[in-house]
Amino acid sequence: AVTRSIMDRFAAMILLVVAVVSTVLMVLTTFVVAPVVCSCLVSLLYSLYLFVAYEESGIHHAQEFENRFWTIFAMLLSTALIFASDSPVAIGLTNPAVGLLAIVLSGYFMHLWDRYQHRKAMTRQLSLRRNQSGNQSLLRLKDLGIPVEDQLDRINECLKEIDQLLIPSTINNFINQRFVLSKEREIITIFEECDPRAVNYLISRVKLGLLFYKIKDHRNFNGKHRTELINMLAVERLSILTVMSRVILLHSLQLLKLRANPQAENWVRNIILNTHQDDLSELKTLTDSKGDYFCMPKLIFDDIQSEAVRQDILRHIRREATVQQTHIQMGTKRWRSQMHMQWRKVLSDVDDTLYCSGGMYPAGVDKRFARKTVYPGVLAFYRELDLGIEGPEEWHDDRVGNLVFLSARPHVYKDMSEKANYAKFEKLRARGDDGRKGLHTMPSLLAGDLASGS
């Protein structure tokens, strides 16, 4: 078995060397045939590599900056293909007007495509299991005479009117200045004046990430509406927010990018430092169980840049954990009421632990099952580890687990490497055709690091 594993690795290395040599020879041959267009393409590919590999650079601090990069990249790429003398599609040499039109259209289409992808990510439904039915919450609010449905409709209507699909926000804000400012003010007023019991319902139903992104801090028009709205929710009205609402608020700030606003890290700090003990544990668990890479480790160790803010949060977590541990050791009434919650993280590898690798190098060495076969009983084993030895025997749907998978696959630009694993986890959660239960909770994923190789 050891000899076969060594042979597999040797064969994989041979294939890798052959692929690299073939690629180099192909590139050199192409350079001989078309040196101008190839030089342009290599330069553009190198700039694309720098953009993807260095997410800590300033161009990633705001979505608007990234959108401008993709727009300019598309225009430069089309320019190289259309106007290079040795390009196979150099239509710009014979008809410059058509070539210029093609360049402008390619940049505009890339601009729209990037905006569409960003809007799609901001409006994605989170994989969160709510503790109470939204319909029951709505009925209670309606019985109290709170017009929460009307308020939600007004917010969505205002958002729709300021979110123009075909016009960039910068241009739309400049052309329709008074209209946009009035609609943004209307949204802020709704959140300010609505009943405290309705705030949590609105946060859970509105597209909060898209709302934060579309409401701008208008420096030229003396209207910092985005800062005003977020500050109201993260500071002024934070005390009335449930744990679920705080999770959605943190997620929306991550979608917005913390570096896009100088106060964002302080808002995150305020939310976490004003959440205590079991509520803090639930906040961390829910943040890690949303079904995407915006988890608590990413928030603390990647998104937050200030070391002082990071240490404040970590000290708060340790302090609250000490209080919880004291309750456990003393067996207080508070702990007995929370015995069903096992505050632990279950860590697991993926290859040769959840799935069988089939002996495929470099994933693993186990050949007892076909490749990508889920090991028999492993999902039930994860569930029992998460349940612990105390509390209920069965896993209830309103409960959130603490399962974390470790992956050697490195993180690459946003969630390019993680989303494939999360799609697999989502499939595993579904009940099988034979009636067997699937994965009991949506797990978190800790990816590897491309720079350190760990």
Protein backbone atom coordinates (compact mmCIF):
# COMPACT_ATOMS: atom_id res chain seq x y z
CA ALA A 1 0.00 0.00 0.00
CA VAL A 2 2.88 2.34 0.83
CA THR A 3 4.59 1.50 -2.47
CA ARG A 4 1.37 2.13 -4.40
CA SER A 5 0.93 5.51 -2.66
CA ILE A 6 4.48 6.52 -3.61
CA MET A 7 3.83 5.48 -7.22
CA ASP A 8 0.62 7.53 -7.32
CA ARG A 9 2.48 10.59 -6.08
CA PHE A 10 5.27 10.04 -8.62
CA ALA A 11 2.72 9.74 -11.44
CA ALA A 12 0.99 12.91 -10.28
CA MET A 13 4.30 14.79 -10.26
CA ILE A 14 5.12 13.53 -13.78
CA LEU A 15 1.73 14.71 -15.06
CA LEU A 16 2.24 18.08 -13.40
CA VAL A 17 5.67 18.52 -15.00
CA VAL A 18 4.31 17.52 -18.42
CA ALA A 19 1.43 20.00 -18.07
CA VAL A 20 3.77 22.85 -17.06
CA VAL A 21 6.23 22.15 -19.88
CA SER A 22 3.40 21.92 -22.43
CA THR A 23 1.93 25.21 -21.25
CA VAL A 24 5.31 26.99 -21.46
CA LEU A 25 5.93 25.65 -24.98
CA MET A 26 2.45 26.71 -26.09
CA VAL A 27 2.95 30.22 -24.72
CA LEU A 28 6.35 30.56 -26.42
CA THR A 29 4.88 29.38 -29.72
CA THR A 30 2.05 31.90 -29.44
CA PHE A 31 4.55 34.68 -28.72
CA VAL A 32 6.38 33.88 -31.94
CA VAL A 33 3.16 34.08 -33.97
CA ALA A 34 1.56 37.13 -32.24
CA PRO A 35 4.05 38.94 -29.96
CA VAL A 36 2.07 42.18 -29.51
CA VAL A 37 -1.26 40.73 -28.45
CA CYS A 38 0.47 38.06 -26.34
CA SER A 39 2.48 40.68 -24.47
CA CYS A 40 -0.73 42.58 -23.73
CA LEU A 41 -2.52 39.44 -22.55
CA VAL A 42 0.37 38.38 -20.30
CA SER A 43 0.45 41.84 -18.71
CA LEU A 44 -3.29 41.75 -18.12
CA LEU A 45 -3.11 38.24 -16.66
CA TYR A 46 -0.36 39.37 -14.29
CA SER A 47 -2.45 42.33 -13.14
CA LEU A 48 -5.40 39.94 -12.66
CA TYR A 49 -3.18 37.67 -10.54
CA LEU A 50 -2.13 40.60 -8.35
CA PHE A 51 -5.77 41.66 -7.95
CA VAL A 52 -6.92 38.18 -6.91
CA ALA A 53 -3.93 37.25 -4.75
CA TYR A 54 -3.73 40.43 -2.63
CA GLU A 55 -7.17 40.94 -1.12
CA GLU A 56 -5.70 43.18 1.58
CA SER A 57 -4.81 45.86 -0.98
CA GLY A 58 -6.72 49.13 -1.14
CA ILE A 59 -8.59 48.22 -4.32
CA HIS A 60 -10.56 45.67 -2.30
CA HIS A 61 -11.61 48.13 0.40
CA ALA A 62 -14.93 48.90 -1.31
CA GLN A 63 -17.12 47.18 -3.86
CA GLU A 64 -17.06 50.32 -6.04
CA PHE A 65 -13.27 50.01 -6.37
CA GLU A 66 -13.52 46.36 -7.43
CA ASN A 67 -16.24 47.18 -9.93
CA ARG A 68 -14.04 49.85 -11.51
CA PHE A 69 -11.16 47.38 -11.75
CA TRP A 70 -13.28 44.82 -13.64
CA THR A 71 -14.67 47.53 -15.93
CA ILE A 72 -11.21 48.86 -16.81
CA PHE A 73 -9.82 45.31 -17.15
CA ALA A 74 -12.55 44.39 -19.67
CA MET A 75 -11.90 47.57 -21.67
CA LEU A 76 -8.13 46.98 -21.76
CA LEU A 77 -8.61 43.33 -22.75
CA SER A 78 -10.99 44.25 -25.57
CA THR A 79 -8.59 47.00 -26.68
CA ALA A 80 -5.74 44.49 -26.98
CA LEU A 81 -7.87 42.05 -28.95
CA ILE A 82 -9.47 44.65 -31.23
CA PHE A 83 -6.56 47.00 -31.98
CA ALA A 84 -3.39 44.85 -31.70
CA SER A 85 -1.83 44.50 -35.14
CA ASP A 86 -1.34 40.72 -34.86
CA SER A 87 -4.66 39.94 -33.16
CA PRO A 88 -6.94 37.47 -35.00
CA VAL A 89 -9.95 39.76 -34.28
CA ALA A 90 -8.34 43.17 -34.98
CA ILE A 91 -11.52 44.75 -36.35
CA GLY A 92 -10.47 48.12 -34.95
CA LEU A 93 -7.70 48.45 -37.57
CA THR A 94 -10.17 48.42 -40.44
CA ASN A 95 -13.08 50.13 -38.68
CA PRO A 96 -11.98 52.23 -35.68
CA ALA A 97 -15.51 53.45 -34.86
CA VAL A 98 -16.81 49.89 -34.50
CA GLY A 99 -13.75 48.99 -32.45
CA LEU A 100 -14.26 51.88 -30.03
CA LEU A 101 -17.95 50.99 -29.69
CA ALA A 102 -17.04 47.37 -28.92
CA ILE A 103 -14.59 48.50 -26.22
CA VAL A 104 -17.18 50.73 -24.55
CA LEU A 105 -19.83 48.01 -24.68
CA SER A 106 -17.48 45.37 -23.25
CA GLY A 107 -16.64 47.64 -20.31
CA TYR A 108 -20.31 48.44 -19.72
CA PHE A 109 -21.36 44.79 -19.84
CA MET A 110 -18.61 43.84 -17.38
CA HIS A 111 -19.76 46.69 -15.12
CA LEU A 112 -23.33 45.36 -15.20
CA TRP A 113 -22.22 41.75 -14.69
CA ASP A 114 -20.12 42.59 -11.64
CA ARG A 115 -22.98 44.64 -10.16
CA TYR A 116 -25.36 41.72 -10.80
CA GLN A 117 -23.05 39.23 -9.06
CA HIS A 118 -22.59 41.59 -6.11
CA ARG A 119 -26.33 42.19 -5.80
CA LYS A 120 -26.91 38.43 -5.99
CA ALA A 121 -24.47 37.85 -3.11
CA MET A 122 -26.05 40.61 -1.01
CA THR A 123 -29.58 39.28 -1.43
CA ARG A 124 -28.75 35.58 -0.88
CA GLN A 125 -30.95 33.91 1.71
CA LEU A 126 -28.91 32.94 4.78
CA SER A 127 -29.01 29.30 5.91
CA LEU A 128 -30.17 30.21 9.41
CA ARG A 129 -32.68 28.21 11.43
CA ARG A 130 -34.91 30.65 13.21
CA ASN A 131 -36.08 29.99 16.74
CA GLN A 132 -39.55 31.30 16.01
CA SER A 133 -41.81 31.34 13.00
CA GLY A 134 -41.84 34.58 11.05
CA ASN A 135 -45.58 34.19 10.50
CA GLN A 136 -46.23 33.95 14.24
CA SER A 137 -44.10 37.06 14.85
CA LEU A 138 -46.03 38.92 12.14
CA LEU A 139 -49.39 37.90 13.61
CA ARG A 140 -48.37 39.13 17.06
CA LEU A 141 -47.28 42.48 15.67
CA LYS A 142 -50.52 42.84 13.71
CA ASP A 143 -52.55 41.99 16.82
CA LEU A 144 -50.75 44.82 18.62
CA GLY A 145 -51.75 47.22 15.84
CA ILE A 146 -48.19 47.73 14.56
CA PRO A 147 -48.24 48.34 10.76
CA VAL A 148 -45.05 46.40 10.19
CA GLU A 149 -46.10 45.08 6.77
CA ASP A 150 -46.71 48.62 5.50
CA GLN A 151 -43.33 49.72 6.86
CA LEU A 152 -41.60 46.79 5.15
CA ASP A 153 -43.33 47.56 1.85
CA ARG A 154 -42.30 51.22 2.08
CA ILE A 155 -38.65 50.27 2.70
CA ASN A 156 -38.62 47.83 -0.22
CA GLU A 157 -40.26 50.38 -2.49
CA CYS A 158 -37.73 53.08 -1.58
CA LEU A 159 -34.86 50.62 -2.09
CA LYS A 160 -36.22 49.65 -5.51
CA GLU A 161 -36.43 53.30 -6.57
CA ILE A 162 -32.82 54.14 -5.62
CA ASP A 163 -31.38 50.83 -6.90
CA GLN A 164 -31.25 51.40 -10.66
CA LEU A 165 -30.13 48.23 -12.45
CA LEU A 166 -28.71 49.86 -15.58
CA ILE A 167 -27.37 53.13 -14.16
CA PRO A 168 -24.33 53.27 -11.84
CA SER A 169 -25.13 54.58 -8.37
CA THR A 170 -22.65 57.46 -8.70
CA ILE A 171 -24.36 58.75 -11.84
CA ASN A 172 -27.85 58.13 -10.48
CA ASN A 173 -27.07 59.98 -7.25
CA PHE A 174 -25.73 62.93 -9.20
CA ILE A 175 -28.62 63.15 -11.68
CA ASN A 176 -31.43 62.46 -9.19
CA GLN A 177 -29.84 64.05 -6.14
CA ARG A 178 -32.94 65.30 -4.33
CA PHE A 179 -35.01 62.22 -5.15
CA VAL A 180 -32.35 59.80 -3.88
CA LEU A 181 -31.71 61.81 -0.71
CA SER A 182 -35.45 61.94 0.07
CA LYS A 183 -35.85 58.18 -0.36
CA GLU A 184 -32.83 57.45 1.80
CA ARG A 185 -34.19 59.78 4.47
CA GLU A 186 -37.56 58.01 4.32
CA ILE A 187 -35.90 54.63 5.00
CA ILE A 188 -33.95 56.02 7.95
CA THR A 189 -37.11 57.64 9.36
CA ILE A 190 -38.97 54.32 9.23
CA PHE A 191 -36.27 52.59 11.29
CA GLU A 192 -36.14 55.55 13.69
CA GLU A 193 -39.86 55.80 14.34
CA CYS A 194 -40.98 52.17 14.15
CA ASP A 195 -42.00 50.33 17.32
CA PRO A 196 -39.06 48.55 19.04
CA ARG A 197 -40.91 45.25 18.63
CA ALA A 198 -41.02 45.77 14.87
CA VAL A 199 -37.31 46.50 14.38
CA ASN A 200 -36.28 42.85 14.60
CA TYR A 201 -38.95 41.81 12.11
CA LEU A 202 -37.83 44.48 9.64
CA ILE A 203 -34.16 43.48 9.95
CA SER A 204 -35.00 39.82 9.34
CA ARG A 205 -37.16 40.55 6.28
CA VAL A 206 -35.48 43.46 4.50
CA LYS A 207 -32.42 43.04 2.25
CA LEU A 208 -30.21 44.68 4.83
CA GLY A 209 -26.89 44.15 3.06
CA LEU A 210 -28.19 45.69 -0.15
CA LEU A 211 -29.78 48.48 1.86
CA PHE A 212 -26.47 49.37 3.51
CA TYR A 213 -24.74 49.30 0.12
CA LYS A 214 -27.25 51.45 -1.74
CA ILE A 215 -27.66 54.11 0.94
CA LYS A 216 -24.57 56.28 0.56
CA ASP A 217 -22.57 58.79 2.56
CA HIS A 218 -22.97 61.74 0.20
CA ARG A 219 -19.89 63.82 0.96
CA ASN A 220 -20.73 66.47 -1.63
CA PHE A 221 -24.34 66.82 -0.49
CA ASN A 222 -23.81 66.85 3.29
CA GLY A 223 -25.82 63.70 3.89
CA LYS A 224 -24.01 60.80 5.54
CA HIS A 225 -27.07 58.59 5.43
CA ARG A 226 -25.29 55.23 5.48
CA THR A 227 -23.37 56.14 8.64
CA GLU A 228 -26.56 57.47 10.23
CA LEU A 229 -28.56 54.29 9.49
CA ILE A 230 -25.90 51.82 10.62
CA ASN A 231 -25.07 53.84 13.73
CA MET A 232 -28.75 53.84 14.68
CA LEU A 233 -28.98 50.03 14.45
CA ALA A 234 -25.52 49.12 15.77
CA VAL A 235 -25.40 51.66 18.62
CA GLU A 236 -28.57 53.60 19.39
CA ARG A 237 -31.13 50.76 19.06
CA LEU A 238 -28.79 47.83 19.67
CA SER A 239 -30.30 47.00 23.07
CA ILE A 240 -33.62 45.99 21.49
CA LEU A 241 -32.09 43.72 18.86
CA THR A 242 -32.30 39.95 19.26
CA VAL A 243 -29.28 37.71 18.74
CA MET A 244 -30.58 36.78 15.29
CA SER A 245 -30.87 40.45 14.31
CA ARG A 246 -27.33 41.10 15.52
CA VAL A 247 -26.06 38.22 13.39
CA ILE A 248 -27.81 39.66 10.32
CA LEU A 249 -26.40 43.10 11.14
CA LEU A 250 -22.84 41.74 11.38
CA HIS A 251 -23.30 39.80 8.16
CA SER A 252 -24.52 42.92 6.35
CA LEU A 253 -21.47 44.86 7.56
CA GLN A 254 -19.21 42.10 6.23
CA LEU A 255 -20.97 42.22 2.86
CA LEU A 256 -20.49 45.98 2.78
CA LYS A 257 -16.76 45.50 3.60
CA LEU A 258 -15.61 46.94 6.91
CA ARG A 259 -12.88 48.99 5.23
CA ALA A 260 -15.53 50.87 3.22
CA ASN A 261 -16.42 52.92 6.31
CA PRO A 262 -13.92 54.12 8.96
CA GLN A 263 -16.47 53.49 11.75
CA ALA A 264 -17.35 49.93 10.69
CA GLU A 265 -14.88 48.20 13.02
CA ASN A 266 -16.19 50.18 15.98
CA TRP A 267 -19.75 49.14 15.09
CA VAL A 268 -18.68 45.49 15.07
CA ARG A 269 -16.88 45.98 18.36
CA ASN A 270 -19.94 47.60 19.93
CA ILE A 271 -22.26 44.79 18.79
CA ILE A 272 -20.03 42.01 20.14
CA LEU A 273 -19.04 43.75 23.39
CA ASN A 274 -22.71 44.36 24.22
CA THR A 275 -23.60 40.69 23.75
CA HIS A 276 -22.90 38.52 26.78
CA GLN A 277 -22.48 34.91 27.91
CA ASP A 278 -24.96 32.48 26.31
CA ASP A 279 -26.16 35.16 23.89
CA LEU A 280 -22.55 35.70 22.80
CA SER A 281 -22.07 31.96 22.27
CA GLU A 282 -25.24 31.85 20.21
CA LEU A 283 -24.07 34.88 18.22
CA LYS A 284 -20.78 33.18 17.37
CA THR A 285 -22.50 29.89 16.52
CA LEU A 286 -25.07 31.50 14.24
CA THR A 287 -22.39 33.59 12.53
CA ASP A 288 -20.51 30.38 11.73
CA SER A 289 -23.64 28.57 10.48
CA LYS A 290 -24.86 30.89 7.72
CA GLY A 291 -23.66 28.67 4.88
CA ASP A 292 -20.98 31.01 3.52
CA TYR A 293 -17.41 32.09 4.23
CA PHE A 294 -18.45 35.17 6.25
CA CYS A 295 -17.74 33.41 9.55
CA MET A 296 -16.57 34.70 12.93
CA PRO A 297 -12.84 33.89 12.34
CA LYS A 298 -12.94 35.84 9.07
CA LEU A 299 -14.65 38.76 10.80
CA ILE A 300 -12.14 38.95 13.65
CA PHE A 301 -8.87 37.97 12.00
CA ASP A 302 -9.32 39.15 8.38
CA ASP A 303 -11.96 41.87 8.13
CA ILE A 304 -10.93 43.79 11.26
CA GLN A 305 -7.63 45.57 10.67
CA SER A 306 -7.25 47.41 13.98
CA GLU A 307 -5.28 45.32 16.47
CA ALA A 308 -6.79 47.28 19.36
CA VAL A 309 -10.35 46.47 18.24
CA ARG A 310 -9.43 42.82 17.68
CA GLN A 311 -7.91 42.46 21.14
CA ASP A 312 -10.93 44.15 22.75
CA ILE A 313 -13.20 41.58 21.13
CA LEU A 314 -10.98 38.62 22.04
CA ARG A 315 -10.69 39.78 25.67
CA HIS A 316 -14.47 40.12 25.85
CA ILE A 317 -14.94 36.59 24.48
CA ARG A 318 -12.48 35.15 27.02
CA ARG A 319 -14.10 37.07 29.87
CA GLU A 320 -17.61 35.89 28.99
CA ALA A 321 -16.35 32.32 28.56
CA THR A 322 -14.88 32.47 32.07
CA VAL A 323 -18.28 33.51 33.46
CA GLN A 324 -19.97 30.64 31.61
CA GLN A 325 -17.37 28.18 32.91
CA THR A 326 -18.00 29.39 36.46
CA HIS A 327 -21.73 28.73 36.08
CA ILE A 328 -20.94 25.21 34.82
CA GLN A 329 -18.58 24.39 37.68
CA MET A 330 -20.97 25.71 40.31
CA GLY A 331 -23.99 24.04 38.72
CA THR A 332 -26.08 27.19 39.01
CA LYS A 333 -29.76 27.40 38.11
CA ARG A 334 -28.83 29.39 35.01
CA TRP A 335 -26.55 26.63 33.79
CA ARG A 336 -29.12 23.91 34.47
CA SER A 337 -31.60 25.75 32.27
CA GLN A 338 -29.02 25.74 29.45
CA MET A 339 -27.74 22.18 29.83
CA HIS A 340 -29.12 21.23 26.43
CA MET A 341 -26.59 23.56 24.79
CA GLN A 342 -23.12 22.06 24.41
CA TRP A 343 -20.79 25.00 23.83
CA ARG A 344 -18.04 23.16 21.97
CA LYS A 345 -16.67 23.11 18.44
CA VAL A 346 -16.49 19.78 16.61
CA LEU A 347 -13.51 19.93 14.23
CA SER A 348 -13.20 17.50 11.33
CA ASP A 349 -11.22 17.02 8.15
CA VAL A 350 -13.06 16.47 4.86
CA ASP A 351 -11.07 13.97 2.78
CA ASP A 352 -10.77 10.50 4.32
CA THR A 353 -12.92 11.69 7.23
CA LEU A 354 -16.24 12.87 5.78
CA TYR A 355 -15.67 11.67 2.22
CA CYS A 356 -13.50 8.80 1.06
CA SER A 357 -10.76 10.00 -1.25
CA GLY A 358 -10.61 6.72 -3.17
CA GLY A 359 -6.83 6.89 -2.83
CA MET A 360 -6.70 9.91 -5.14
CA TYR A 361 -3.52 11.92 -4.51
CA PRO A 362 -3.19 14.45 -2.89
CA ALA A 363 -6.64 14.16 -1.24
CA GLY A 364 -5.93 10.95 0.69
CA VAL A 365 -4.99 7.29 0.69
CA ASP A 366 -8.15 5.36 1.64
CA LYS A 367 -9.36 3.07 -1.18
CA ARG A 368 -11.99 1.08 0.73
CA PHE A 369 -14.85 3.04 -0.86
CA ALA A 370 -15.41 4.82 -4.15
CA ARG A 371 -14.19 8.40 -4.41
CA LYS A 372 -16.51 11.02 -2.81
CA THR A 373 -18.45 8.36 -0.89
CA VAL A 374 -19.72 9.60 2.47
CA TYR A 375 -18.49 7.23 5.17
CA PRO A 376 -21.31 5.13 6.66
CA GLY A 377 -22.43 6.52 10.02
CA VAL A 378 -20.20 9.59 9.98
CA LEU A 379 -23.13 12.07 9.78
CA ALA A 380 -24.81 10.45 12.80
CA PHE A 381 -21.45 10.52 14.60
CA TYR A 382 -21.13 14.29 14.03
CA ARG A 383 -24.68 14.76 15.33
CA GLU A 384 -24.01 12.80 18.51
CA LEU A 385 -20.80 14.73 19.16
CA ASP A 386 -22.75 17.99 18.80
CA LEU A 387 -25.55 16.75 21.10
CA GLY A 388 -23.17 15.76 23.88
CA ILE A 389 -24.00 13.50 26.82
CA GLU A 390 -26.55 15.83 28.39
CA GLY A 391 -29.77 17.26 27.08
CA PRO A 392 -32.17 15.88 24.46
CA GLU A 393 -31.60 12.63 22.60
CA GLU A 394 -32.79 13.97 19.23
CA TRP A 395 -31.64 16.97 17.23
CA HIS A 396 -34.41 19.55 16.89
CA ASP A 397 -34.75 21.75 13.82
CA ASP A 398 -34.57 25.00 15.80
CA ARG A 399 -31.13 24.11 17.13
CA VAL A 400 -27.84 25.31 15.60
CA GLY A 401 -24.75 23.11 15.64
CA ASN A 402 -21.04 23.76 16.11
CA LEU A 403 -19.51 21.64 13.37
CA VAL A 404 -16.39 22.98 11.63
CA PHE A 405 -14.59 21.39 8.69
CA LEU A 406 -10.91 21.99 7.94
CA SER A 407 -9.73 22.17 4.34
CA ALA A 408 -6.22 22.29 2.92
CA ARG A 409 -7.61 23.95 -0.20
CA PRO A 410 -6.42 27.58 0.07
CA HIS A 411 -8.74 30.56 0.15
CA VAL A 412 -8.73 32.36 -3.20
CA TYR A 413 -10.50 35.69 -3.86
CA LYS A 414 -13.83 35.98 -2.07
CA ASP A 415 -15.39 32.49 -1.89
CA MET A 416 -14.05 30.94 -5.10
CA SER A 417 -12.64 27.91 -3.25
CA GLU A 418 -15.13 27.72 -0.37
CA LYS A 419 -18.44 27.84 -2.28
CA ALA A 420 -17.94 24.37 -3.79
CA ASN A 421 -17.64 22.86 -0.30
CA TYR A 422 -20.66 24.79 0.99
CA ALA A 423 -22.70 23.49 -1.96
CA LYS A 424 -21.73 19.93 -0.93
CA PHE A 425 -22.67 20.62 2.68
CA GLU A 426 -26.08 21.91 1.57
CA LYS A 427 -26.72 18.69 -0.35
CA LEU A 428 -25.66 16.64 2.67
CA ARG A 429 -28.24 18.42 4.83
CA ALA A 430 -31.09 17.07 2.69
CA ARG A 431 -32.81 13.91 3.84
CA GLY A 432 -31.91 10.92 1.70
CA ASP A 433 -34.28 8.94 -0.51
CA ASP A 434 -34.20 6.11 2.03
CA GLY A 435 -35.53 8.43 4.76
CA ARG A 436 -32.22 8.75 6.60
CA LYS A 437 -31.33 12.09 8.13
CA GLY A 438 -28.66 14.16 6.47
CA LEU A 439 -26.11 16.49 8.01
CA HIS A 440 -27.74 17.90 11.14
CA THR A 441 -26.50 21.49 10.77
CA MET A 442 -24.83 23.81 8.29
CA PRO A 443 -21.13 23.60 9.20
CA SER A 444 -18.47 26.25 9.01
CA LEU A 445 -15.31 25.85 6.92
CA LEU A 446 -11.76 26.96 7.67
CA ALA A 447 -9.78 27.06 4.43
CA GLY A 448 -6.02 26.97 4.00
CA ASP A 449 -3.77 29.92 3.30
CA LEU A 450 -2.14 30.36 -0.09
CA ALA A 451 0.79 32.43 1.23
CA SER A 452 1.82 30.22 4.15
CA GLY A 453 0.74 26.90 2.62
CA SER A 454 -1.07 25.89 5.81
